[in-house]
């Protein structure tokens, strides 16, 4: 099974959360009204990247400490780790 492990930044906006990957600034999603929705959306976006780009690095070598001093106070940062195969099987129909 493929494991995806990436650092993500959640930025609070008026209507919810905007989510991006600091290591890959061109990969982002609108997230959703809650943190849980935003986590789901970025996982889905990462699975799309892996599906379309077989060379996409599944596991980052960066840590939260590499980015935590460069984000605004309205943001929070976390590491997400999940099984690509299980997510796709459960959510992609």
C-alpha atoms as a PDB file:
ATOM      1  CA  UNK A   1       0.000   0.000   0.000  1.00  0.00           C
ATOM      2  CA  UNK A   2       1.107   3.539  -0.744  1.00  0.00           C
ATOM      3  CA  UNK A   3       1.419   5.918   2.184  1.00  0.00           C
ATOM      4  CA  UNK A   4       1.126   9.643   1.590  1.00  0.00           C
ATOM      5  CA  UNK A   5       2.762  11.870   4.195  1.00  0.00           C
ATOM      6  CA  UNK A   6       2.869  15.627   3.585  1.00  0.00           C
ATOM      7  CA  UNK A   7       2.932  18.900   5.499  1.00  0.00           C
ATOM      8  CA  UNK A   8      -0.188  21.017   4.959  1.00  0.00           C
ATOM      9  CA  UNK A   9      -1.147  24.537   5.990  1.00  0.00           C
ATOM     10  CA  UNK A  10      -4.736  25.498   6.773  1.00  0.00           C
ATOM     11  CA  UNK A  11      -5.601  29.171   6.494  1.00  0.00           C
ATOM     12  CA  UNK A  12      -8.796  30.350   8.157  1.00  0.00           C
ATOM     13  CA  UNK A  13     -10.971  32.508   5.946  1.00  0.00           C
ATOM     14  CA  UNK A  14     -14.434  33.986   6.437  1.00  0.00           C
ATOM     15  CA  UNK A  15     -16.318  31.001   5.036  1.00  0.00           C
ATOM     16  CA  UNK A  16     -13.976  28.199   5.996  1.00  0.00           C
ATOM     17  CA  UNK A  17     -10.479  26.995   5.288  1.00  0.00           C
ATOM     18  CA  UNK A  18      -8.080  27.318   2.379  1.00  0.00           C
ATOM     19  CA  UNK A  19      -5.488  24.518   2.294  1.00  0.00           C
ATOM     20  CA  UNK A  20      -2.091  24.373   0.611  1.00  0.00           C
ATOM     21  CA  UNK A  21       1.161  22.445   0.617  1.00  0.00           C
ATOM     22  CA  UNK A  22       4.115  24.740   1.364  1.00  0.00           C
ATOM     23  CA  UNK A  23       6.489  22.378  -0.433  1.00  0.00           C
ATOM     24  CA  UNK A  24       4.322  22.470  -3.589  1.00  0.00           C
ATOM     25  CA  UNK A  25       2.745  25.941  -3.838  1.00  0.00           C
ATOM     26  CA  UNK A  26       0.901  25.081  -7.048  1.00  0.00           C
ATOM     27  CA  UNK A  27      -1.101  22.381  -5.211  1.00  0.00           C
ATOM     28  CA  UNK A  28      -3.941  23.851  -3.176  1.00  0.00           C
ATOM     29  CA  UNK A  29      -7.652  23.485  -2.570  1.00  0.00           C
ATOM     30  CA  UNK A  30     -10.464  25.620  -1.288  1.00  0.00           C
ATOM     31  CA  UNK A  31     -10.839  23.235   1.619  1.00  0.00           C
ATOM     32  CA  UNK A  32     -14.216  23.618   3.226  1.00  0.00           C
ATOM     33  CA  UNK A  33     -16.252  25.109   6.038  1.00  0.00           C
ATOM     34  CA  UNK A  34     -14.622  22.917   8.704  1.00  0.00           C
ATOM     35  CA  UNK A  35     -11.149  21.562   9.411  1.00  0.00           C
ATOM     36  CA  UNK A  36     -12.417  18.041   8.730  1.00  0.00           C
ATOM     37  CA  UNK A  37     -13.749  19.068   5.304  1.00  0.00           C
ATOM     38  CA  UNK A  38     -10.472  20.798   4.531  1.00  0.00           C
ATOM     39  CA  UNK A  39      -8.473  17.687   5.496  1.00  0.00           C
ATOM     40  CA  UNK A  40     -10.652  15.556   3.243  1.00  0.00           C
ATOM     41  CA  UNK A  41     -10.226  17.966   0.318  1.00  0.00           C
ATOM     42  CA  UNK A  42      -6.431  18.099   0.550  1.00  0.00           C
ATOM     43  CA  UNK A  43      -6.251  14.302   0.805  1.00  0.00           C
ATOM     44  CA  UNK A  44      -8.389  14.066  -2.317  1.00  0.00           C
ATOM     45  CA  UNK A  45      -6.168  16.619  -4.077  1.00  0.00           C
ATOM     46  CA  UNK A  46      -3.022  14.685  -3.113  1.00  0.00           C
ATOM     47  CA  UNK A  47      -4.531  11.453  -4.421  1.00  0.00           C
ATOM     48  CA  UNK A  48      -5.230  13.209  -7.732  1.00  0.00           C
ATOM     49  CA  UNK A  49      -1.609  14.323  -7.927  1.00  0.00           C
ATOM     50  CA  UNK A  50      -0.384  10.781  -7.282  1.00  0.00           C
ATOM     51  CA  UNK A  51      -2.834   9.352  -9.820  1.00  0.00           C
ATOM     52  CA  UNK A  52      -1.833  11.761 -12.608  1.00  0.00           C
ATOM     53  CA  UNK A  53       1.847  12.150 -11.764  1.00  0.00           C
ATOM     54  CA  UNK A  54       3.487   8.830 -10.981  1.00  0.00           C
ATOM     55  CA  UNK A  55       6.693  10.668 -10.003  1.00  0.00           C
ATOM     56  CA  UNK A  56       5.000  12.759  -7.318  1.00  0.00           C
ATOM     57  CA  UNK A  57       6.858  12.204  -4.017  1.00  0.00           C
ATOM     58  CA  UNK A  58       4.495  10.443  -1.646  1.00  0.00           C
ATOM     59  CA  UNK A  59       6.467  11.164   1.518  1.00  0.00           C
ATOM     60  CA  UNK A  60       8.028  14.512   2.298  1.00  0.00           C
ATOM     61  CA  UNK A  61      11.391  14.840   3.968  1.00  0.00           C
ATOM     62  CA  UNK A  62      10.314  18.163   5.503  1.00  0.00           C
ATOM     63  CA  UNK A  63       8.927  18.636   9.007  1.00  0.00           C
ATOM     64  CA  UNK A  64       6.497  21.068  10.567  1.00  0.00           C
ATOM     65  CA  UNK A  65       9.469  22.906  12.078  1.00  0.00           C
ATOM     66  CA  UNK A  66      10.690  23.746   8.563  1.00  0.00           C
ATOM     67  CA  UNK A  67       7.588  25.885   7.986  1.00  0.00           C
ATOM     68  CA  UNK A  68       6.073  26.913  11.313  1.00  0.00           C
ATOM     69  CA  UNK A  69       7.971  30.219  11.518  1.00  0.00           C
ATOM     70  CA  UNK A  70       6.867  31.253   8.024  1.00  0.00           C
ATOM     71  CA  UNK A  71       3.094  31.079   8.407  1.00  0.00           C
ATOM     72  CA  UNK A  72       0.732  33.760   9.648  1.00  0.00           C
ATOM     73  CA  UNK A  73      -1.079  33.663  12.964  1.00  0.00           C
ATOM     74  CA  UNK A  74      -4.367  32.877  11.176  1.00  0.00           C
ATOM     75  CA  UNK A  75      -2.950  29.585   9.911  1.00  0.00           C
ATOM     76  CA  UNK A  76      -2.228  26.251  11.437  1.00  0.00           C
ATOM     77  CA  UNK A  77       0.091  23.601  10.121  1.00  0.00           C
ATOM     78  CA  UNK A  78      -0.021  19.842  10.463  1.00  0.00           C
ATOM     79  CA  UNK A  79       1.371  16.676   9.008  1.00  0.00           C
ATOM     80  CA  UNK A  80      -1.152  14.438   7.316  1.00  0.00           C
ATOM     81  CA  UNK A  81      -0.445  10.792   6.786  1.00  0.00           C
ATOM     82  CA  UNK A  82      -2.847   8.334   5.170  1.00  0.00           C
ATOM     83  CA  UNK A  83      -3.046   5.309   2.918  1.00  0.00           C
ATOM     84  CA  UNK A  84      -3.602   6.301  -0.706  1.00  0.00           C
ATOM     85  CA  UNK A  85      -5.154   2.932  -1.611  1.00  0.00           C
ATOM     86  CA  UNK A  86      -7.687   2.971   1.216  1.00  0.00           C
ATOM     87  CA  UNK A  87      -8.700   6.595   0.608  1.00  0.00           C
ATOM     88  CA  UNK A  88      -9.210   6.014  -3.117  1.00  0.00           C
ATOM     89  CA  UNK A  89     -11.136   2.775  -2.599  1.00  0.00           C
ATOM     90  CA  UNK A  90     -13.404   4.358   0.012  1.00  0.00           C
ATOM     91  CA  UNK A  91     -14.034   7.761  -1.581  1.00  0.00           C
ATOM     92  CA  UNK A  92     -13.518   7.450  -5.347  1.00  0.00           C
ATOM     93  CA  UNK A  93     -16.360   5.656  -7.052  1.00  0.00           C
END
